[in-house]
Every structure is written in structure tokens, then in C-alpha cells.
Amino acid sequence: MTVWDDLVGQGKVSAQLGAAARDADALVTAVATHVPPPEASKMTHAWLFTGPPGSGRSTAARAFAAALQCVSPDRALGGVPGCGFCDGCHTSLIGTHADVQIIRTDLLSIGVKETRDLVRRAQMSPAGRRWQVIVLEDADRLTEGAGNVLLKAVEEPAPRTVWLLCAPSLEDVLPTIRSRCRHLTLRTPPVDAVADVLVRRDGIEPDVAAAVARATQGHIGRARRLATDERARARRAAVLKLPLRVDDVGACLKAAQELIDAASEDAKQVAEESDVKETEDMRAALGGGQGGRMPRGTAGLMKELEDKQKRRRTRTTRDSLDLALIDLTAFYRDVLALQFGTNLALANTEMRDTLDRLARGSSPEATLRRIEAIAACREALDRNVAPLLAVEAMTMALRAG
């Protein structure tokens, strides 16, 4: 299985990246054999992958990084780099290759300090004599200062350094940075393709795979989690009951509080899996030992770790809440499809009776207003509005219609 097989429903992008990887391999070979490099090349030093959530932006970037490090002997016979089996491909995909740095933040933003560290790393020569690859999976989370630091590195790239940036859209990246990158747009994978991947690679039952692929509208990561995590299915089922509960003001406020509590609980569970180990590792590294007294001068480092963990919990809470709002949007989209009598495939076919009842009991205009209220709530959360206030305003708008 090649690295390109992971790009579900992205045939055009796979072809473009494959051609660039072939030209990149030719450039490396030309330098090693002291022959003139190809005159025209599809390879460049900076790439920007954009697409909606679930389209596989980071997957495409990682696959390309692996192809750039591919050392398969088939390349000499005309094979496309990215075999998926050689040491270069394997270590790149699992994140242990010396010349591939994959950056994915758990925080709300990427600051200047972290970006400067990346830029310094980008100036180094590749240890494997191929390419130094920096994959920045959350380029949209760069602060303005961090973006300006990155701009200098993209403007004046070091030899054989490749930047692979990922963001939801072009507008999420500074114009000065995106103008210096080659742009690739990924689409949401077809539902059938996602279901097929879940069956072939994860061993999910075909009926379950089809249901979760349809429910997540082609989002591979969410579909896999929904198929394998019972808690995720329970949370989604609870969220989809909300439209039936907002029949008075008290119910609206209660539903909003429960939605916030569920997101906070989700973040707490994620934190318990990582925070304790991080804290113990930090204490051990600073000489504190298991429950021992910390040496002098280390309190600041421990406080910095606590602040980082707090910011990560905040982002996890918001991500969980945003996921619930996406599920709500899909629910009302189904209601709207029924009201207009379209042939659009429903995401929540298991709730057809409920959808029919709501479609008959309201107008398309009211449904559109409810979808707009959910979108307004998501925008408010992005602007750091207090989550409970934003969600309460949304549930009241859902009741009003």
C-alpha cells in the first residue's frame, strides 16, 4: 500500500503530489550524481494544503513528506516515490524520521517562541541527504507575530528545506505567506469512499461503516471515532435530542448547561490521559522524583506546564463543543432537506421519524434561522465569548425559530 492510498477521494491532489515527489527525487539524484538537474520541476519549497475538516489536509502533508524521504529501489525503474514500505516512508509516517518535523498544537495558538524554534530547525541540513521537511498541521493557529517570523523563513528558504502548511482555508493564513506557497485544495471525501476505508483498514462492519460515514458527512477521523468509541456515540445521541427539549426557557437554559458540562467532561477525560504523565515526567526530569520535594528554581517550570495544560483543556473543551454544534447543524440540514422535498441524502436516517415531525411542524424559514443561530454560536466561541452565554443564546434562538 503506497502513501497515496491514505488520501481518500483526493485523486487530483494525489497526482499533483506524486508528480512533485518524482521531480524532487530527480533533483536529489542529480545532486548526488553531479548531473544537471531537470530544467522544469513541479517541486517547490513551500506548500499550503487547505480543505474542510475531515478532508485529510494533514494526511496529505504527511504522505508527501514520506514520499520526499522515500528510498525505495523501485524509483530507479520509474516508480513514483512513496512506496509506503521503505525505511524513509515508514519512519516519516510514524513520526520518527530525523528529517521530518511534524507540528500539531494542543493549544489555542502557536506563538513566536515555538515558531522561532521551527525556523532554526529549518536552517539545518538534512541528515539523510534528501529533504528537511517541516509539517505545520495548524498553520491557521499562528499568531500574527508567529506568522511574521515564519514569513522570513518561507521568503528565504534554506536549501532542501520544504514547508508543508495546513489550514482550513486560504483566508486563515497571512496573505504574505500564502502568496509564497503552492496551493492545494482538498475536498470532503465521498461518503461511500469513507465507508470503504473503514471496512478495509479498520475492520468495521459494512452497515456500521456506512452509517457513521453518512452521519459525519465524509469526515474520516470523526467517522472512525464514532464507529469505535461508544462514548462518542452516546454524546452524539444526547446532542441530537436537544431540538426536542427546547420547548420553554427553563429547558433551554438546562440544555445549554448540559452541553457545556458534556464538553468539559470530555476535556477532563482527555486531560487525565496526558496531564498526569506529563507532570510526572517533568518532576522526574527536574529531580523531584515520585512525590518528592522539588529542587529550588523549578517552580516556574512547573507553573509553565500547568498553564500549558490549562490552555490545552480550554481548546479541547471548545473543540468538543464545536463538534456538538456541527452535529446539530447536520440535524437541521436534514430537516430543511425534508421541508424542500429534495433528494439529498440524510445524515441522520436513524432519526427519520423525528426529522419528519419537526419538518411538518415548522417552516423552512424557521429552520434556516435555527441553522444561522448555530453558526452565530460557533462564531461567538471563536471570538472567546463565554461558552455558556453563547450556547444559552443559541438554545433560546432554537426555541424561537
Protein backbone atom coordinates (compact mmCIF):
# COMPACT_ATOMS: atom_id res chain seq x y z
CA MET A 1 0.00 0.00 0.00
CA THR A 2 1.53 3.33 -1.05
CA VAL A 3 1.37 6.52 0.99
CA TRP A 4 -1.07 7.94 -1.56
CA ASP A 5 -3.69 5.33 -0.65
CA ASP A 6 -4.35 7.27 2.56
CA LEU A 7 -5.69 10.22 0.56
CA VAL A 8 -9.33 9.15 0.35
CA GLY A 9 -11.22 10.71 -2.55
CA GLN A 10 -8.35 13.05 -3.48
CA GLY A 11 -7.25 11.69 -6.85
CA LYS A 12 -6.28 15.06 -8.34
CA VAL A 13 -4.23 16.08 -5.31
CA SER A 14 -2.51 12.67 -5.21
CA ALA A 15 -1.49 13.07 -8.85
CA GLN A 16 -0.07 16.56 -8.25
CA LEU A 17 1.88 15.48 -5.19
CA GLY A 18 3.12 12.34 -6.93
CA ALA A 19 4.48 14.40 -9.82
CA ALA A 20 6.17 16.83 -7.41
CA ALA A 21 7.69 13.94 -5.42
CA ARG A 22 9.07 12.45 -8.64
CA ASP A 23 10.68 15.77 -9.57
CA ALA A 24 12.02 16.19 -6.03
CA ASP A 25 13.62 12.76 -6.27
CA ALA A 26 15.17 13.71 -9.61
CA LEU A 27 16.66 16.85 -8.03
CA VAL A 28 18.21 14.83 -5.20
CA THR A 29 19.57 12.26 -7.65
CA ALA A 30 21.04 14.99 -9.85
CA VAL A 31 22.96 16.47 -6.92
CA ALA A 32 24.22 13.07 -5.78
CA THR A 33 25.42 12.06 -9.27
CA HIS A 34 26.69 15.53 -10.26
CA VAL A 35 24.47 15.76 -13.32
CA PRO A 36 22.44 18.81 -14.36
CA PRO A 37 19.02 18.94 -12.61
CA PRO A 38 15.81 18.90 -14.64
CA GLU A 39 15.04 22.24 -16.29
CA ALA A 40 11.37 22.29 -15.31
CA SER A 41 10.21 20.98 -11.94
CA LYS A 42 6.87 20.69 -10.18
CA MET A 43 8.68 20.75 -6.83
CA THR A 44 8.82 23.88 -4.69
CA HIS A 45 9.91 24.74 -1.16
CA ALA A 46 6.54 25.72 0.36
CA TRP A 47 3.09 24.14 0.08
CA LEU A 48 -0.27 25.12 1.54
CA PHE A 49 -2.93 22.40 1.97
CA THR A 50 -6.46 23.70 2.51
CA GLY A 51 -9.82 21.99 2.76
CA PRO A 52 -12.79 21.49 5.09
CA PRO A 53 -12.44 19.49 8.33
CA GLY A 54 -12.12 15.80 7.57
CA SER A 55 -10.77 16.32 4.06
CA GLY A 56 -7.36 14.94 5.06
CA ARG A 57 -5.13 18.02 4.95
CA SER A 58 -2.60 16.68 7.44
CA THR A 59 -2.81 13.20 5.91
CA ALA A 60 -1.87 14.62 2.51
CA ALA A 61 1.00 16.60 4.02
CA ARG A 62 2.36 13.56 5.86
CA ALA A 63 2.06 11.41 2.74
CA PHE A 64 4.00 13.99 0.74
CA ALA A 65 6.65 14.20 3.47
CA ALA A 66 7.04 10.41 3.32
CA ALA A 67 7.31 10.47 -0.47
CA LEU A 68 10.07 13.08 -0.27
CA GLN A 69 12.04 10.72 2.01
CA CYS A 70 11.27 7.56 0.02
CA VAL A 71 14.33 5.39 -0.71
CA SER A 72 12.58 2.52 -2.49
CA PRO A 73 14.71 0.91 -5.24
CA ASP A 74 11.64 0.98 -7.50
CA ARG A 75 12.28 4.68 -8.07
CA ALA A 76 15.11 3.82 -10.43
CA LEU A 77 12.66 1.77 -12.52
CA GLY A 78 10.21 4.65 -12.92
CA GLY A 79 8.15 4.05 -9.79
CA VAL A 80 6.55 7.00 -8.03
CA PRO A 81 8.20 7.84 -4.68
CA GLY A 82 6.01 6.97 -1.71
CA CYS A 83 6.06 3.17 -1.63
CA GLY A 84 4.90 3.10 1.99
CA PHE A 85 7.23 0.23 2.94
CA CYS A 86 10.81 1.54 2.84
CA ASP A 87 12.53 2.96 5.90
CA GLY A 88 12.09 6.55 4.70
CA CYS A 89 8.33 6.19 4.19
CA HIS A 90 7.72 4.17 7.35
CA THR A 91 9.62 6.44 9.75
CA SER A 92 8.09 9.58 8.19
CA LEU A 93 4.54 8.27 8.63
CA ILE A 94 5.02 7.23 12.26
CA GLY A 95 6.84 10.47 13.14
CA THR A 96 10.36 9.19 13.88
CA HIS A 97 12.26 10.31 10.76
CA ALA A 98 15.19 12.58 11.65
CA ASP A 99 14.42 15.00 8.81
CA VAL A 100 10.63 15.24 9.21
CA GLN A 101 9.28 17.54 11.90
CA ILE A 102 5.50 17.34 12.45
CA ILE A 103 3.97 20.17 14.47
CA ARG A 104 0.43 19.87 15.81
CA THR A 105 -0.59 22.08 18.70
CA ASP A 106 -2.97 21.16 21.51
CA LEU A 107 -3.25 24.83 22.42
CA LEU A 108 -5.36 27.69 21.13
CA SER A 109 -2.46 29.27 19.22
CA ILE A 110 1.15 28.86 18.09
CA GLY A 111 3.36 31.60 19.46
CA VAL A 112 6.55 33.34 18.41
CA LYS A 113 8.84 31.18 20.56
CA GLU A 114 7.66 27.89 19.05
CA THR A 115 7.86 29.32 15.53
CA ARG A 116 11.41 30.56 16.04
CA ASP A 117 12.39 27.05 17.13
CA LEU A 118 10.89 25.73 13.90
CA VAL A 119 12.72 28.29 11.78
CA ARG A 120 16.03 27.35 13.42
CA ARG A 121 15.30 23.70 12.71
CA ALA A 122 14.54 24.55 9.07
CA GLN A 123 18.02 26.03 8.61
CA MET A 124 19.70 22.69 9.30
CA SER A 125 20.92 20.44 6.51
CA PRO A 126 19.02 17.14 6.20
CA ALA A 127 20.79 14.30 7.95
CA GLY A 128 19.65 11.82 5.30
CA ARG A 129 20.83 13.97 2.39
CA ARG A 130 17.36 14.25 0.94
CA TRP A 131 14.98 16.89 2.34
CA GLN A 132 14.36 18.70 5.62
CA VAL A 133 10.55 18.69 5.89
CA ILE A 134 8.52 20.80 8.35
CA VAL A 135 4.83 19.85 8.55
CA LEU A 136 2.76 22.53 10.32
CA GLU A 137 -0.69 20.99 10.73
CA ASP A 138 -2.29 24.05 12.37
CA ALA A 139 -0.96 26.97 10.36
CA ASP A 140 -4.26 28.77 10.99
CA ARG A 141 -3.38 28.96 14.70
CA LEU A 142 -0.24 31.04 14.18
CA THR A 143 -0.39 34.37 15.99
CA GLU A 144 0.36 37.48 13.95
CA GLY A 145 3.87 37.67 15.40
CA ALA A 146 4.49 33.98 14.73
CA GLY A 147 3.28 34.42 11.15
CA ASN A 148 5.78 37.21 10.60
CA VAL A 149 8.58 35.00 11.94
CA LEU A 150 7.56 32.20 9.57
CA LEU A 151 7.33 34.59 6.63
CA LYS A 152 11.07 35.26 6.71
CA ALA A 153 11.85 31.54 6.52
CA VAL A 154 9.42 30.99 3.65
CA GLU A 155 10.75 34.04 1.76
CA GLU A 156 14.38 32.91 2.05
CA PRO A 157 14.25 29.11 2.33
CA ALA A 158 17.29 27.07 3.21
CA PRO A 159 18.46 24.62 0.53
CA ARG A 160 16.48 21.36 0.59
CA THR A 161 14.02 22.60 3.24
CA VAL A 162 10.32 22.09 2.49
CA TRP A 163 7.47 23.73 4.40
CA LEU A 164 4.10 21.94 4.38
CA LEU A 165 1.40 24.14 5.90
CA CYS A 166 -2.19 23.03 6.61
CA ALA A 167 -5.19 25.30 7.18
CA PRO A 168 -8.97 25.18 6.62
CA SER A 169 -8.90 27.96 4.01
CA LEU A 170 -6.62 30.49 2.33
CA GLU A 171 -8.09 33.28 4.47
CA ASP A 172 -6.77 31.57 7.62
CA VAL A 173 -3.16 32.23 6.55
CA LEU A 174 -1.38 35.57 6.19
CA PRO A 175 -1.55 36.83 2.57
CA THR A 176 2.21 37.29 2.52
CA ILE A 177 2.73 33.63 3.44
CA ARG A 178 0.13 32.07 1.16
CA SER A 179 1.43 34.08 -1.81
CA ARG A 180 4.75 32.26 -1.46
CA CYS A 181 3.24 28.76 -1.25
CA ARG A 182 1.92 26.36 -3.86
CA HIS A 183 -1.73 25.88 -3.03
CA LEU A 184 -3.58 22.53 -3.00
CA THR A 185 -7.30 22.34 -2.22
CA LEU A 186 -8.75 19.10 -0.83
CA ARG A 187 -12.45 18.24 -0.95
CA THR A 188 -14.64 16.42 1.50
CA PRO A 189 -14.28 12.70 0.69
CA PRO A 190 -17.37 10.93 -0.67
CA VAL A 191 -19.37 9.06 1.96
CA ASP A 192 -19.00 5.75 0.09
CA ALA A 193 -15.21 6.14 -0.05
CA VAL A 194 -15.02 6.77 3.70
CA ALA A 195 -17.18 3.74 4.45
CA ASP A 196 -14.99 1.59 2.21
CA VAL A 197 -11.84 2.71 4.06
CA LEU A 198 -13.38 1.92 7.44
CA VAL A 199 -14.25 -1.59 6.27
CA ARG A 200 -10.90 -2.33 4.62
CA ARG A 201 -8.49 -0.78 7.12
CA ASP A 202 -10.33 -0.81 10.43
CA GLY A 203 -12.43 -3.94 10.11
CA ILE A 204 -15.68 -2.09 10.77
CA GLU A 205 -18.88 -3.89 9.81
CA PRO A 206 -20.19 -2.56 6.45
CA ASP A 207 -23.55 -1.43 7.88
CA VAL A 208 -21.89 0.42 10.77
CA ALA A 209 -19.27 1.94 8.46
CA ALA A 210 -21.95 3.23 6.09
CA ALA A 211 -23.98 4.69 8.97
CA VAL A 212 -21.09 6.58 10.62
CA ALA A 213 -19.72 7.81 7.27
CA ARG A 214 -23.15 9.18 6.45
CA ALA A 215 -23.58 10.68 9.93
CA THR A 216 -20.25 12.54 9.75
CA GLN A 217 -20.74 13.53 6.09
CA GLY A 218 -17.40 12.16 4.94
CA HIS A 219 -15.18 13.21 7.88
CA ILE A 220 -12.79 10.27 8.13
CA GLY A 221 -11.46 10.90 11.63
CA ARG A 222 -14.87 11.52 13.17
CA ALA A 223 -16.36 8.52 11.37
CA ARG A 224 -13.64 6.23 12.71
CA ARG A 225 -14.08 7.54 16.24
CA LEU A 226 -17.85 7.22 16.06
CA ALA A 227 -17.52 3.62 14.90
CA THR A 228 -15.04 2.59 17.59
CA ASP A 229 -15.88 4.77 20.63
CA GLU A 230 -19.11 4.06 22.50
CA ARG A 231 -18.80 7.29 24.49
CA ALA A 232 -18.66 9.31 21.28
CA ARG A 233 -21.86 7.66 20.05
CA ALA A 234 -23.59 8.35 23.37
CA ARG A 235 -22.55 12.02 23.32
CA ARG A 236 -23.79 12.45 19.77
CA ALA A 237 -27.12 10.82 20.58
CA ALA A 238 -27.58 13.21 23.52
CA VAL A 239 -26.81 16.24 21.35
CA LEU A 240 -29.35 15.21 18.72
CA LYS A 241 -32.09 15.11 21.36
CA LEU A 242 -31.62 18.81 22.10
CA PRO A 243 -34.00 20.10 19.37
CA LEU A 244 -36.85 18.22 21.05
CA ARG A 245 -36.11 19.66 24.50
CA VAL A 246 -36.08 23.43 23.92
CA ASP A 247 -39.81 23.94 24.46
CA ASP A 248 -39.55 26.56 27.25
CA VAL A 249 -36.98 28.96 28.71
CA GLY A 250 -36.03 26.68 31.59
CA ALA A 251 -35.45 23.76 29.26
CA CYS A 252 -33.28 25.96 27.00
CA LEU A 253 -31.04 27.02 29.88
CA LYS A 254 -30.81 23.45 31.20
CA ALA A 255 -29.93 22.07 27.75
CA ALA A 256 -27.22 24.72 27.35
CA GLN A 257 -25.68 23.86 30.71
CA GLU A 258 -25.70 20.13 29.91
CA LEU A 259 -23.99 20.78 26.57
CA ILE A 260 -21.23 22.76 28.33
CA ASP A 261 -20.89 20.11 31.04
CA ALA A 262 -20.55 17.34 28.45
CA ALA A 263 -17.80 19.26 26.62
CA SER A 264 -15.98 19.91 29.91
CA GLU A 265 -16.22 16.24 30.88
CA ASP A 266 -14.82 15.27 27.51
CA ALA A 267 -11.87 17.63 28.02
CA LYS A 268 -11.34 16.29 31.54
CA GLN A 269 -11.14 12.71 30.27
CA VAL A 270 -8.58 13.69 27.63
CA ALA A 271 -6.58 15.64 30.23
CA GLU A 272 -6.47 12.73 32.65
CA GLU A 273 -4.77 10.63 29.98
CA SER A 274 -1.96 13.13 29.38
CA ASP A 275 -1.59 15.64 32.21
CA VAL A 276 -0.61 13.18 34.93
CA LYS A 277 2.11 11.57 32.81
CA GLU A 278 3.41 14.96 31.67
CA THR A 279 3.62 16.19 35.25
CA GLU A 280 5.39 13.05 36.48
CA ASP A 281 7.86 13.19 33.60
CA MET A 282 8.60 16.85 34.30
CA ARG A 283 9.13 16.20 38.01
CA ALA A 284 11.46 13.32 37.24
CA ALA A 285 13.43 15.40 34.73
CA LEU A 286 13.84 18.22 37.29
CA GLY A 287 14.96 15.82 40.03
CA GLY A 288 11.78 15.85 42.09
CA GLY A 289 11.12 12.12 41.89
CA GLN A 290 7.86 10.35 42.71
CA GLY A 291 6.13 12.70 45.16
CA GLY A 292 9.47 14.10 46.33
CA ARG A 293 10.25 17.72 47.08
CA MET A 294 11.09 19.79 44.01
CA PRO A 295 14.54 21.44 43.83
CA ARG A 296 14.78 25.21 44.10
CA GLY A 297 14.28 27.21 40.95
CA THR A 298 11.92 24.71 39.32
CA ALA A 299 8.60 26.23 40.44
CA GLY A 300 8.48 28.45 37.35
CA LEU A 301 8.84 25.46 35.02
CA MET A 302 6.09 23.54 36.80
CA LYS A 303 3.82 26.62 36.64
CA GLU A 304 4.52 26.92 32.91
CA LEU A 305 3.49 23.28 32.43
CA GLU A 306 0.29 23.83 34.41
CA ASP A 307 -0.57 26.87 32.27
CA LYS A 308 0.03 24.86 29.11
CA GLN A 309 -2.23 22.06 30.34
CA LYS A 310 -4.94 24.57 31.23
CA ARG A 311 -4.81 26.11 27.74
CA ARG A 312 -4.99 22.64 26.22
CA ARG A 313 -8.09 21.80 28.27
CA THR A 314 -9.68 25.03 27.07
CA ARG A 315 -9.07 24.11 23.45
CA THR A 316 -10.29 20.54 23.97
CA THR A 317 -13.49 21.85 25.56
CA ARG A 318 -14.10 24.20 22.65
CA ASP A 319 -13.34 21.50 20.09
CA SER A 320 -15.79 19.12 21.76
CA LEU A 321 -18.44 21.85 21.90
CA ASP A 322 -17.86 22.75 18.26
CA LEU A 323 -18.28 19.10 17.29
CA ALA A 324 -21.67 19.06 19.01
CA LEU A 325 -22.69 22.19 17.11
CA ILE A 326 -21.66 20.59 13.82
CA ASP A 327 -23.90 17.60 14.62
CA LEU A 328 -26.77 20.00 15.39
CA THR A 329 -26.24 21.79 12.08
CA ALA A 330 -26.40 18.47 10.22
CA PHE A 331 -29.64 17.65 12.07
CA TYR A 332 -31.38 20.85 10.95
CA ARG A 333 -29.92 20.47 7.47
CA ASP A 334 -31.80 17.15 7.27
CA VAL A 335 -34.97 18.90 8.45
CA LEU A 336 -34.52 21.54 5.74
CA ALA A 337 -33.95 18.87 3.07
CA LEU A 338 -37.24 17.21 4.00
CA GLN A 339 -39.08 20.53 4.01
CA PHE A 340 -37.89 21.30 0.49
CA GLY A 341 -38.51 17.72 -0.68
CA THR A 342 -35.00 17.30 -2.09
CA ASN A 343 -33.29 14.00 -2.89
CA LEU A 344 -30.31 14.94 -0.72
CA ALA A 345 -29.03 12.02 1.35
CA LEU A 346 -29.86 12.45 5.04
CA ALA A 347 -27.08 12.32 7.64
CA ASN A 348 -29.39 11.07 10.40
CA THR A 349 -31.53 8.43 8.77
CA GLU A 350 -31.94 6.61 12.09
CA MET A 351 -33.98 9.61 13.32
CA ARG A 352 -36.27 9.84 10.30
CA ASP A 353 -39.48 9.94 12.38
CA THR A 354 -38.19 12.84 14.48
CA LEU A 355 -36.97 14.69 11.39
CA ASP A 356 -40.34 14.26 9.68
CA ARG A 357 -42.20 15.56 12.74
CA LEU A 358 -40.02 18.68 13.01
CA ALA A 359 -40.19 19.27 9.26
CA ARG A 360 -44.00 19.25 9.36
CA GLY A 361 -44.15 21.38 12.48
CA SER A 362 -42.10 24.33 11.23
CA SER A 363 -41.28 26.28 8.09
CA PRO A 364 -38.09 26.28 6.01
CA GLU A 365 -37.55 29.91 7.06
CA ALA A 366 -37.58 28.90 10.74
CA THR A 367 -35.15 26.05 10.07
CA LEU A 368 -32.77 28.41 8.29
CA ARG A 369 -32.91 30.78 11.25
CA ARG A 370 -32.02 27.91 13.56
CA ILE A 371 -29.04 26.94 11.39
CA GLU A 372 -27.94 30.59 11.43
CA ALA A 373 -28.21 30.63 15.24
CA ILE A 374 -25.87 27.64 15.47
CA ALA A 375 -23.41 29.33 13.10
CA ALA A 376 -23.58 32.51 15.20
CA CYS A 377 -22.80 30.47 18.31
CA ARG A 378 -19.71 28.96 16.65
CA GLU A 379 -18.53 32.42 15.64
CA ALA A 380 -19.07 33.73 19.16
CA LEU A 381 -16.97 30.90 20.60
CA ASP A 382 -14.20 31.75 18.12
CA ARG A 383 -14.27 35.31 19.48
CA ASN A 384 -13.80 34.00 23.05
CA VAL A 385 -17.34 34.75 24.20
CA ALA A 386 -18.14 32.90 27.43
CA PRO A 387 -19.26 29.43 26.23
CA LEU A 388 -22.32 29.22 28.48
CA LEU A 389 -23.63 32.61 27.36
CA ALA A 390 -23.11 31.74 23.68
CA VAL A 391 -24.84 28.37 23.98
CA GLU A 392 -27.74 29.79 26.02
CA ALA A 393 -28.33 32.40 23.32
CA MET A 394 -28.32 29.63 20.73
CA THR A 395 -30.80 27.39 22.55
CA MET A 396 -33.15 30.34 23.01
CA ALA A 397 -32.93 31.05 19.27
CA LEU A 398 -33.63 27.37 18.50
CA ARG A 399 -36.80 27.61 20.60
CA ALA A 400 -37.93 30.81 18.90
CA GLY A 401 -37.27 29.51 15.40
